[in-house]
Structures are given as C-alpha cells and as structure tokens.
C-alpha cells in the first residue's frame, strides 16, 4: 500500500511538471516565427552595442536610454562592462547616444539598470528613476538630470521589502512612483521556479515616502508600466500572459482594473505618444529564443502600436518586425517627432523614420 501511495504521488508530480512544461512553452510562444515588417531609413544608434532595455523621451526631445542590463541566464555581449544611462538629442539630424556622467559616490561598478522613468517637477527639475540590480539585487535609484553638464546627480537609493524584483517604473512625483515586480521572490532559483509553476504572484507597488503598498496583483509576470497623458490611467504589461491591463488611478493612488487587452506576443516595455495617447509596445515574438540564445537562430523583434486603447475596439498594428537578422530581442519602442527608437534586452538599438 505504501508503495502504491509513493508511485501515485510520483506520477501526479510528474504529470504536473509535464503540464507546467507544456504551459510554459505556450507562454513563451516557443514555436512562433514572425513575418517581417520593415520601416524606411532605419539605422543603428551609435554608442549602443549591448542592449538598451528601456527608453524614456522628454517633451523637448532628449531621450534617456538604459543600457547594459545583465541577469543570470540572459545573454550579454559585454558581460564585464557595467551598465549606464545614455542620452540622445532627437532634434539633431544624426544624433549619437552619449553616456551621462554620474556624480561621485554612486557605485558605477555595480550599476545594472533596467526600467527607467522621468518626472518633471513644477520648477522644471527633471528627475530620472532607475530600476537597478546591483549584484542582482533590487533598488530604485533617483537622479536629478543636470542638462548643462550632461550629468546625473544621484539623490537617493530606495530599498523596500515590497520591491524584491523591480522591473519597470512610472514616476508620479519627486519621490513617488508605481513599480512592477516581475517576480515575487528575490532568490534567483525561486524566480525561475515561480515562472515555471506560473504562480501569478507578481504585482504593482505604489511608493511614496509616507506610503508603500500593493495596488494590483495576480500577474503572471508584471513588466512594463506607464501612464496615460491625462494621468487618469495606468497601463501594465503582463509579459508571459500576453496581456496589457488598463487600470484607472484613484484619488488615493489605488488602481482599479478597467479592461485587459489580449495579444499574441510577449509584451515588454510600454511607451506613450503624448500627443495621441497611443501605446507603443516593445515585444518578443518568441521568448524561448530570447532566453536560450542561439546566434544561428536569434530572438526576433517586434513593435506594436495600439490606438484608441480605451475604446471598445482598440486598433493593434505591427509597426516593425524582424526575425533577428537585424535586431534581436526588442524590449521597447518610443516615438518622438516622426522617429521611432527601438531598444533591446542585450543587442543593439535602431532609429527609424515613421
């Protein structure tokens, strides 16, 4: 009888693991290929050689690029080089991405930037928020942008038990932001385990000096986050669920879900066109290729544009797609003045004319 119980338990466990494996392949879109969609006048952005995971553009056309992200198991073309923040002036005819100097005292050697967001205060001070992973831990760094000196003044490092695995940020004040945790655990092994088991424990946090709390939860893998131009709605990308959640912001900063957009691709960072409210989404058509890197069969890139996102029938169109022969592992698409910047997890970056 005891043997029968053991065999039965083992069989159930193996069946569960097998089912989780098949489900994970589906969540990764492991069999998907992408049809090419080209744009005119695309060129590589000089100065970006090993990824530009996130891009945020100021109203005056200055673009910040988060470069050099590293994560255990993730491909890196510059494993020994620390990450950094680059800046481009999109008003120039042929802008080059230049690295911003960071004030003394900040640990540049362990700088591992992920998602970024800017906030412009009433006095026109520009704050840059950076999700950082020094030694694969999780912090949020707040900088002041000093435009005349092309530098960043480090103001504060934030750590909190509710921020174990920050992926992206949308800043709503000088020390206030929403952040996504793409994993519930901080331990690397447990991160992979929760993804495999599809625990759906990831969340969105609201942070202020006075109040830190969970404002949305139950995501498979909460990733990119951004806010509508009128500041009434927050958009959250759930990568492995292939979804974008539209959340209404309440007066107390809580979020109430309004709708969910179901897509057929792995959604990463979300950018907003401030003039139209359109969502621009960096996507991974095939996540398995992204994490199991094969230079002979590299991960594809895709950028979606979502128009009328609050309507009953939003329009979803693929603006750019490539099988990896040009650009590998797109993570963000941001627009300004008829230009589209496409960043990647660990490859190069493109500037295209729309």
Protein backbone atom coordinates (compact mmCIF):
# COMPACT_ATOMS: atom_id res chain seq x y z
CA UNK A 1 0.00 0.00 0.00
CA UNK A 2 2.80 2.40 0.90
CA UNK A 3 4.48 1.74 -2.43
CA UNK A 4 1.23 2.44 -4.25
CA UNK A 5 0.92 5.80 -2.47
CA UNK A 6 4.50 6.71 -3.37
CA UNK A 7 4.07 5.70 -7.01
CA UNK A 8 0.78 7.58 -7.25
CA UNK A 9 2.28 10.74 -5.71
CA UNK A 10 5.30 10.49 -8.03
CA UNK A 11 3.03 10.05 -11.04
CA UNK A 12 0.95 13.08 -10.11
CA UNK A 13 4.07 15.17 -9.56
CA UNK A 14 5.48 14.17 -12.95
CA UNK A 15 2.14 14.87 -14.61
CA UNK A 16 2.07 18.32 -13.03
CA UNK A 17 5.63 19.07 -14.12
CA UNK A 18 4.84 17.91 -17.64
CA UNK A 19 1.73 20.06 -17.79
CA UNK A 20 3.68 23.07 -16.47
CA UNK A 21 6.38 22.49 -19.11
CA UNK A 22 3.84 22.46 -21.96
CA UNK A 23 2.15 25.54 -20.49
CA UNK A 24 5.49 27.34 -20.21
CA UNK A 25 6.28 26.67 -23.87
CA UNK A 26 2.90 28.16 -24.79
CA UNK A 27 3.53 31.20 -22.59
CA UNK A 28 6.91 31.63 -24.24
CA UNK A 29 5.41 31.32 -27.75
CA UNK A 30 8.18 28.76 -28.27
CA UNK A 31 7.08 27.75 -31.79
CA UNK A 32 6.26 31.19 -33.14
CA UNK A 33 8.01 32.84 -36.06
CA UNK A 34 7.44 36.43 -37.14
CA UNK A 35 6.77 37.95 -40.55
CA UNK A 36 8.98 40.89 -41.41
CA UNK A 37 7.55 44.41 -41.27
CA UNK A 38 10.12 46.97 -42.37
CA UNK A 39 10.38 50.71 -41.88
CA UNK A 40 12.23 53.17 -44.11
CA UNK A 41 15.52 54.75 -43.15
CA UNK A 42 16.36 52.58 -40.14
CA UNK A 43 19.88 52.81 -38.78
CA UNK A 44 21.70 51.53 -35.75
CA UNK A 45 22.12 54.02 -32.92
CA UNK A 46 25.82 54.71 -32.43
CA UNK A 47 27.02 54.01 -28.94
CA UNK A 48 24.61 51.14 -28.18
CA UNK A 49 26.25 47.74 -28.54
CA UNK A 50 24.96 45.60 -25.65
CA UNK A 51 21.29 46.40 -25.13
CA UNK A 52 19.10 49.38 -24.35
CA UNK A 53 16.35 47.76 -22.30
CA UNK A 54 14.27 50.90 -21.77
CA UNK A 55 13.98 54.35 -23.33
CA UNK A 56 12.23 57.45 -21.98
CA UNK A 57 11.93 60.67 -24.00
CA UNK A 58 11.41 64.15 -22.54
CA UNK A 59 8.99 66.59 -24.23
CA UNK A 60 11.99 68.55 -25.58
CA UNK A 61 13.32 65.52 -27.48
CA UNK A 62 16.08 64.42 -25.11
CA UNK A 63 15.99 60.63 -24.86
CA UNK A 64 17.38 58.58 -21.96
CA UNK A 65 18.48 55.00 -22.69
CA UNK A 66 19.07 52.34 -20.05
CA UNK A 67 21.94 50.14 -21.27
CA UNK A 68 23.90 47.07 -20.22
CA UNK A 69 21.29 45.03 -18.30
CA UNK A 70 22.58 41.71 -17.01
CA UNK A 71 20.63 38.85 -15.46
CA UNK A 72 21.65 35.26 -14.68
CA UNK A 73 20.90 33.10 -17.71
CA UNK A 74 20.42 36.09 -20.01
CA UNK A 75 22.73 36.66 -22.96
CA UNK A 76 25.18 39.57 -22.65
CA UNK A 77 27.57 40.87 -25.30
CA UNK A 78 29.53 42.91 -22.73
CA UNK A 79 29.45 40.84 -19.52
CA UNK A 80 32.33 42.71 -17.85
CA UNK A 81 31.14 46.24 -18.64
CA UNK A 82 28.88 47.99 -16.09
CA UNK A 83 25.57 49.40 -17.23
CA UNK A 84 24.87 53.07 -17.74
CA UNK A 85 22.46 55.77 -18.87
CA UNK A 86 22.89 57.24 -22.34
CA UNK A 87 21.26 60.35 -23.78
CA UNK A 88 20.34 61.37 -27.34
CA UNK A 89 19.07 64.69 -28.67
CA UNK A 90 16.41 63.70 -31.20
CA UNK A 91 16.29 67.23 -32.55
CA UNK A 92 19.66 66.62 -34.20
CA UNK A 93 19.78 65.21 -37.71
CA UNK A 94 22.11 62.32 -36.80
CA UNK A 95 22.06 62.05 -33.02
CA UNK A 96 24.56 59.87 -31.20
CA UNK A 97 23.91 58.24 -27.84
CA UNK A 98 26.39 59.60 -25.26
CA UNK A 99 26.85 58.26 -21.74
CA UNK A 100 25.85 60.64 -18.97
CA UNK A 101 28.33 61.24 -16.17
CA UNK A 102 27.11 60.26 -12.72
CA UNK A 103 28.02 62.15 -9.55
CA UNK A 104 30.76 60.87 -7.28
CA UNK A 105 29.77 58.48 -4.55
CA UNK A 106 27.46 56.37 -6.66
CA UNK A 107 28.65 52.79 -7.23
CA UNK A 108 29.04 52.69 -11.02
CA UNK A 109 30.87 49.35 -10.96
CA UNK A 110 27.69 47.51 -9.92
CA UNK A 111 25.26 49.69 -11.90
CA UNK A 112 22.80 47.34 -13.63
CA UNK A 113 19.92 49.50 -14.90
CA UNK A 114 16.59 48.07 -16.01
CA UNK A 115 13.37 50.12 -16.45
CA UNK A 116 13.52 53.93 -16.30
CA UNK A 117 11.09 56.82 -15.97
CA UNK A 118 11.35 60.61 -15.84
CA UNK A 119 9.39 63.15 -13.82
CA UNK A 120 9.39 66.91 -14.47
CA UNK A 121 8.60 68.94 -11.36
CA UNK A 122 6.80 72.29 -11.26
CA UNK A 123 10.14 74.12 -11.26
CA UNK A 124 11.19 72.16 -14.40
CA UNK A 125 13.61 69.96 -12.47
CA UNK A 126 13.96 66.63 -14.27
CA UNK A 127 14.20 63.51 -12.11
CA UNK A 128 15.27 60.16 -13.53
CA UNK A 129 14.12 56.99 -11.77
CA UNK A 130 16.06 53.80 -12.49
CA UNK A 131 15.28 50.21 -11.51
CA UNK A 132 18.73 48.92 -10.60
CA UNK A 133 20.03 45.41 -9.90
CA UNK A 134 23.43 45.73 -8.19
CA UNK A 135 24.75 42.18 -7.66
CA UNK A 136 21.33 41.03 -8.96
CA UNK A 137 19.50 42.63 -6.04
CA UNK A 138 16.80 45.27 -6.44
CA UNK A 139 16.87 49.01 -5.76
CA UNK A 140 15.33 52.15 -7.18
CA UNK A 141 17.76 54.98 -7.85
CA UNK A 142 16.64 58.60 -8.09
CA UNK A 143 18.79 61.07 -10.04
CA UNK A 144 18.49 64.74 -10.90
CA UNK A 145 19.30 65.47 -14.54
CA UNK A 146 21.69 68.40 -14.97
CA UNK A 147 21.29 69.28 -18.64
CA UNK A 148 24.01 71.91 -18.92
CA UNK A 149 26.61 69.45 -17.65
CA UNK A 150 25.15 66.35 -19.33
CA UNK A 151 25.25 64.59 -15.99
CA UNK A 152 23.15 62.85 -13.37
CA UNK A 153 23.27 63.85 -9.72
CA UNK A 154 22.47 60.84 -7.57
CA UNK A 155 19.92 61.77 -4.91
CA UNK A 156 18.74 58.60 -3.26
CA UNK A 157 18.76 54.80 -3.25
CA UNK A 158 15.47 53.18 -2.26
CA UNK A 159 15.08 49.64 -0.93
CA UNK A 160 11.93 48.03 0.42
CA UNK A 161 10.64 44.55 1.17
CA UNK A 162 7.78 45.17 -1.27
CA UNK A 163 10.29 45.85 -4.05
CA UNK A 164 12.06 42.46 -4.33
CA UNK A 165 12.36 42.35 -8.12
CA UNK A 166 11.62 45.72 -9.70
CA UNK A 167 11.29 45.60 -13.48
CA UNK A 168 9.88 48.97 -14.51
CA UNK A 169 8.76 52.28 -13.03
CA UNK A 170 6.45 55.15 -13.86
CA UNK A 171 7.30 58.23 -11.80
CA UNK A 172 4.44 60.36 -10.46
CA UNK A 173 6.37 62.73 -8.15
CA UNK A 174 9.91 63.61 -6.97
CA UNK A 175 9.96 60.53 -4.71
CA UNK A 176 6.72 58.89 -5.81
CA UNK A 177 6.19 56.12 -8.35
CA UNK A 178 4.43 52.96 -9.39
CA UNK A 179 6.70 49.95 -9.92
CA UNK A 180 6.22 46.45 -11.27
CA UNK A 181 7.77 43.40 -9.63
CA UNK A 182 8.33 40.85 -12.38
CA UNK A 183 8.99 38.17 -9.76
CA UNK A 184 7.68 37.57 -6.26
CA UNK A 185 10.97 36.20 -4.95
CA UNK A 186 14.42 37.79 -4.92
CA UNK A 187 16.33 34.48 -4.94
CA UNK A 188 17.41 33.53 -8.49
CA UNK A 189 16.40 29.85 -8.23
CA UNK A 190 13.00 30.71 -6.77
CA UNK A 191 12.47 33.28 -9.55
CA UNK A 192 12.87 30.60 -12.18
CA UNK A 193 10.70 28.19 -10.18
CA UNK A 194 7.81 30.64 -9.86
CA UNK A 195 7.92 31.26 -13.61
CA UNK A 196 7.89 27.52 -14.31
CA UNK A 197 4.98 26.90 -11.94
CA UNK A 198 3.08 30.01 -13.13
CA UNK A 199 2.29 31.12 -9.60
CA UNK A 200 0.93 34.53 -10.72
CA UNK A 201 2.23 36.28 -7.61
CA UNK A 202 3.76 39.34 -9.28
CA UNK A 203 2.37 42.79 -8.63
CA UNK A 204 2.37 46.58 -8.90
CA UNK A 205 3.55 48.70 -5.98
CA UNK A 206 2.81 52.33 -5.19
CA UNK A 207 5.72 54.01 -3.43
CA UNK A 208 5.88 57.33 -1.61
CA UNK A 209 7.90 58.42 1.45
CA UNK A 210 4.75 58.05 3.53
CA UNK A 211 3.06 55.04 1.94
CA UNK A 212 4.26 51.83 0.27
CA UNK A 213 1.68 49.22 -0.72
CA UNK A 214 0.49 46.71 -3.29
CA UNK A 215 -2.07 48.32 -5.61
CA UNK A 216 -2.53 45.50 -8.15
CA UNK A 217 -1.57 41.81 -8.10
CA UNK A 218 -2.17 38.42 -9.64
CA UNK A 219 0.00 38.94 -12.74
CA UNK A 220 1.95 36.16 -14.39
CA UNK A 221 4.96 38.44 -14.93
CA UNK A 222 4.28 42.15 -14.43
CA UNK A 223 6.67 44.04 -16.69
CA UNK A 224 6.37 47.42 -18.43
CA UNK A 225 4.27 50.17 -16.84
CA UNK A 226 3.25 53.61 -18.00
CA UNK A 227 0.53 56.24 -17.63
CA UNK A 228 -1.91 57.93 -19.99
CA UNK A 229 -1.20 61.58 -20.92
CA UNK A 230 -4.12 62.78 -18.77
CA UNK A 231 -2.71 60.82 -15.77
CA UNK A 232 -6.03 59.01 -15.27
CA UNK A 233 -4.98 55.52 -16.35
CA UNK A 234 -2.04 53.23 -15.70
CA UNK A 235 -1.08 50.55 -18.21
CA UNK A 236 0.62 47.34 -17.06
CA UNK A 237 2.20 44.75 -19.35
CA UNK A 238 1.88 41.13 -18.21
CA UNK A 239 4.59 39.57 -20.35
CA UNK A 240 4.03 35.82 -20.28
CA UNK A 241 0.24 36.21 -20.16
CA UNK A 242 0.48 38.24 -23.42
CA UNK A 243 -1.73 40.93 -21.89
CA UNK A 244 -1.86 44.66 -21.21
CA UNK A 245 -4.01 45.70 -18.24
CA UNK A 246 -5.71 49.08 -18.27
CA UNK A 247 -6.07 50.38 -14.70
CA UNK A 248 -7.88 53.50 -13.52
CA UNK A 249 -5.94 55.56 -10.99
CA UNK A 250 -7.93 56.50 -7.90
CA UNK A 251 -7.52 59.60 -5.73
CA UNK A 252 -5.65 57.55 -3.08
CA UNK A 253 -3.32 56.11 -5.78
CA UNK A 254 -5.04 52.71 -5.76
CA UNK A 255 -5.65 51.08 -9.14
CA UNK A 256 -8.91 49.62 -10.43
CA UNK A 257 -8.85 47.36 -13.46
CA UNK A 258 -10.90 48.65 -16.39
CA UNK A 259 -10.07 46.18 -19.15
CA UNK A 260 -7.47 43.71 -20.41
CA UNK A 261 -6.02 43.64 -23.92
CA UNK A 262 -5.21 40.10 -25.07
CA UNK A 263 -2.35 39.90 -27.57
CA UNK A 264 -0.42 37.11 -29.29
CA UNK A 265 3.08 38.17 -28.28
CA UNK A 266 5.23 38.65 -25.18
CA UNK A 267 4.83 42.29 -24.19
CA UNK A 268 7.70 44.15 -22.55
CA UNK A 269 8.03 47.92 -22.05
CA UNK A 270 5.21 50.37 -22.74
CA UNK A 271 5.74 53.87 -24.14
CA UNK A 272 3.12 56.58 -24.64
CA UNK A 273 2.83 59.04 -27.51
CA UNK A 274 1.89 62.17 -25.51
CA UNK A 275 0.17 63.79 -28.49
CA UNK A 276 -2.18 60.89 -29.29
CA UNK A 277 -2.20 58.67 -26.21
CA UNK A 278 -1.22 55.71 -28.38
CA UNK A 279 0.65 52.85 -26.73
CA UNK A 280 3.92 51.71 -28.30
CA UNK A 281 4.96 48.27 -27.12
CA UNK A 282 8.31 46.50 -27.39
CA UNK A 283 7.60 42.79 -27.83
CA UNK A 284 9.26 39.38 -28.02
CA UNK A 285 7.54 37.13 -30.57
CA UNK A 286 9.35 34.03 -29.24
CA UNK A 287 10.51 34.04 -25.63
CA UNK A 288 12.31 30.72 -25.81
CA UNK A 289 14.78 32.12 -28.33
CA UNK A 290 15.26 35.11 -26.05
CA UNK A 291 16.37 33.04 -23.05
CA UNK A 292 18.04 30.12 -24.86
CA UNK A 293 20.33 32.13 -27.10
CA UNK A 294 21.47 30.66 -30.41
CA UNK A 295 23.42 33.05 -32.67
CA UNK A 296 22.33 30.99 -35.65
CA UNK A 297 18.65 31.37 -34.74
CA UNK A 298 18.47 34.61 -32.74
CA UNK A 299 15.41 36.10 -31.00
CA UNK A 300 13.12 38.23 -33.14
CA UNK A 301 11.96 41.80 -32.58
CA UNK A 302 8.51 43.37 -32.80
CA UNK A 303 6.98 46.76 -32.01
CA UNK A 304 3.22 47.21 -31.71
CA UNK A 305 1.18 50.39 -31.87
CA UNK A 306 -2.15 50.37 -30.02
CA UNK A 307 -4.56 53.18 -30.91
CA UNK A 308 -7.75 54.12 -29.05
CA UNK A 309 -6.74 51.88 -26.17
CA UNK A 310 -9.70 52.95 -24.02
CA UNK A 311 -12.30 52.24 -26.71
CA UNK A 312 -14.26 49.01 -27.07
CA UNK A 313 -12.15 48.03 -30.09
CA UNK A 314 -8.59 49.31 -29.91
CA UNK A 315 -6.57 49.12 -33.12
CA UNK A 316 -3.45 46.95 -32.79
CA UNK A 317 -0.89 47.10 -35.60
CA UNK A 318 2.64 45.79 -36.03
CA UNK A 319 4.85 48.73 -36.96
CA UNK A 320 8.15 46.86 -37.03
CA UNK A 321 9.10 43.19 -37.03
CA UNK A 322 12.35 41.39 -37.78
CA UNK A 323 13.42 37.75 -37.38
CA UNK A 324 16.62 38.71 -35.56
CA UNK A 325 18.74 39.12 -38.67
CA UNK A 326 18.88 42.88 -37.99
CA UNK A 327 17.68 43.44 -34.43
CA UNK A 328 17.48 40.86 -31.64
CA UNK A 329 15.19 40.89 -28.62
CA UNK A 330 13.34 44.21 -28.83
CA UNK A 331 12.15 45.44 -25.45
CA UNK A 332 10.92 48.99 -26.09
CA UNK A 333 9.69 51.30 -28.83
CA UNK A 334 9.46 55.06 -28.18
CA UNK A 335 8.41 57.82 -30.57
CA UNK A 336 9.25 61.49 -31.00
CA UNK A 337 8.88 63.82 -33.98
CA UNK A 338 8.25 61.09 -36.53
CA UNK A 339 11.15 58.97 -35.23
CA UNK A 340 10.88 55.54 -33.62
CA UNK A 341 13.62 54.34 -31.28
CA UNK A 342 13.73 50.58 -30.72
CA UNK A 343 15.76 49.23 -27.82
CA UNK A 344 16.66 45.64 -26.97
CA UNK A 345 17.45 43.50 -23.96
CA UNK A 346 21.04 42.78 -24.94
CA UNK A 347 21.59 43.62 -28.63
CA UNK A 348 21.79 46.93 -30.47
CA UNK A 349 19.21 49.72 -30.94
CA UNK A 350 17.55 51.21 -34.00
CA UNK A 351 16.30 54.66 -35.02
CA UNK A 352 13.68 54.50 -37.77
CA UNK A 353 11.67 57.09 -39.63
CA UNK A 354 7.90 56.64 -39.41
